[in-house]
Structure formats: C-alpha cells, structure tokens
Amino acid sequence: MSQSYDRDTIERIRASRQVLAGDQVQPLADPWAHPTGPLGLTPLQRNYALLLVVLLLVAAILVPLIGIGAATIPLFLLGIGLLAGWLFF
C-alpha cells in the first residue's frame, strides 16, 4: 500500500523529526535561573533585597519623626521578610 504525501506534509514531517542544536534552543526567562550582576544575584533576589532595604529605611526614618510605635509596622514586615529569605533563599 503506497501513500502519497504532498510537499507541505513532507516538510512538516521533516521539521518535526529535526533535532535542534544547542545554540538554537533558547532558555526560558526564569528569574531563578542564573545570577547576574556584580553581586551575583538573580533579578528576583535583587528585588527582594531592595524591598528589605526600603523597609529598613522607612523604619529608620519613622523612629525619630513619629516614634518607635509607628516604626513597628515596617520593622515587623522586615522581620517577616528576613525569615522568608532564610527559608526560601
């Protein structure tokens, strides 16, 4: 039994059987993938560290201006963030 394929079908079959070389495969944009920059942090880790620094600065500004009572909220969030960083990173 002979099967006759048109040219498009033959090209699709050939393309589906083709093995991609390493330089043809593009990696996924994953924030956990590879550390970059001078600190060797991934973009997600860099943003996390910046958030913690901002919380620390907000608390440091609130202590002399309003008092330690108002600064407890960002300090509490900073503590939760540090614990989360210890668990996840």
Protein backbone atom coordinates (compact mmCIF):
# COMPACT_ATOMS: atom_id res chain seq x y z
CA MET A 1 0.00 0.00 0.00
CA SER A 2 1.65 3.19 -1.16
CA GLN A 3 0.95 6.52 0.48
CA SER A 4 1.42 9.74 -1.39
CA TYR A 5 2.21 12.88 0.62
CA ASP A 6 2.13 16.42 -0.67
CA ARG A 7 5.17 18.65 -0.27
CA ASP A 8 3.81 20.53 2.79
CA THR A 9 3.22 17.32 4.69
CA ILE A 10 6.71 16.09 3.89
CA GLU A 11 8.21 19.38 5.15
CA ARG A 12 6.17 19.19 8.38
CA ILE A 13 7.30 15.63 8.98
CA ARG A 14 10.93 16.57 8.32
CA ALA A 15 10.69 19.59 10.64
CA SER A 16 9.14 17.52 13.43
CA ARG A 17 11.99 14.99 13.20
CA GLN A 18 14.72 17.61 13.22
CA VAL A 19 16.85 17.73 16.35
CA LEU A 20 17.70 21.23 17.48
CA ALA A 21 21.32 22.07 18.16
CA GLY A 22 22.31 23.62 21.47
CA ASP A 23 22.72 27.13 20.10
CA GLN A 24 19.23 27.02 18.55
CA VAL A 25 17.46 26.33 21.85
CA GLN A 26 16.56 29.49 23.76
CA PRO A 27 16.35 29.24 27.57
CA LEU A 28 13.20 30.29 29.36
CA ALA A 29 13.14 33.69 31.04
CA ASP A 30 13.23 32.37 34.60
CA PRO A 31 14.08 34.76 37.44
CA TRP A 32 15.58 31.85 39.41
CA ALA A 33 17.82 30.75 36.55
CA HIS A 34 21.25 32.41 36.61
CA PRO A 35 22.73 35.04 38.91
CA THR A 36 23.78 38.21 37.12
CA GLY A 37 25.40 41.48 38.03
CA PRO A 38 28.28 42.34 40.34
CA LEU A 39 26.61 40.84 43.44
CA GLY A 40 25.73 37.55 41.77
CA LEU A 41 22.01 37.84 42.48
CA THR A 42 19.09 36.84 40.32
CA PRO A 43 16.63 39.63 39.47
CA LEU A 44 14.14 38.19 41.97
CA GLN A 45 16.74 38.15 44.76
CA ARG A 46 17.86 41.69 43.89
CA ASN A 47 14.28 42.99 44.09
CA TYR A 48 13.77 41.15 47.37
CA ALA A 49 16.91 42.70 48.87
CA LEU A 50 15.87 46.16 47.69
CA LEU A 51 12.46 45.72 49.32
CA LEU A 52 14.09 44.80 52.62
CA VAL A 53 16.41 47.81 52.44
CA VAL A 54 13.43 50.10 51.75
CA LEU A 55 11.60 48.67 54.77
CA LEU A 56 14.68 49.29 56.92
CA LEU A 57 15.00 52.87 55.67
CA VAL A 58 11.31 53.58 56.28
CA ALA A 59 11.61 52.29 59.83
CA ALA A 60 14.79 54.31 60.41
CA ILE A 61 13.03 57.47 59.23
CA LEU A 62 9.88 56.83 61.27
CA VAL A 63 11.71 56.31 64.60
CA PRO A 64 12.99 59.89 65.02
CA LEU A 65 9.98 61.53 63.35
CA ILE A 66 7.00 59.76 64.92
CA GLY A 67 8.41 57.22 67.36
CA ILE A 68 9.08 53.55 67.70
CA GLY A 69 5.35 52.75 67.77
CA ALA A 70 4.88 53.77 64.14
CA ALA A 71 8.12 52.08 63.12
CA THR A 72 7.00 48.70 64.44
CA ILE A 73 4.93 48.00 61.31
CA PRO A 74 7.81 48.22 58.82
CA LEU A 75 10.11 46.50 61.34
CA PHE A 76 7.63 43.64 61.70
CA LEU A 77 7.41 43.31 57.89
CA LEU A 78 11.21 43.42 57.75
CA GLY A 79 11.41 40.58 60.26
CA ILE A 80 8.88 38.50 58.30
CA GLY A 81 10.84 39.22 55.12
CA LEU A 82 14.12 38.15 56.70
CA LEU A 83 12.58 34.91 57.93
CA ALA A 84 11.11 34.27 54.48
CA GLY A 85 14.51 34.91 52.91
CA TRP A 86 16.12 32.45 55.29
CA LEU A 87 13.53 29.82 54.35
CA PHE A 88 13.37 30.35 50.59
CA PHE A 89 16.78 31.64 49.53
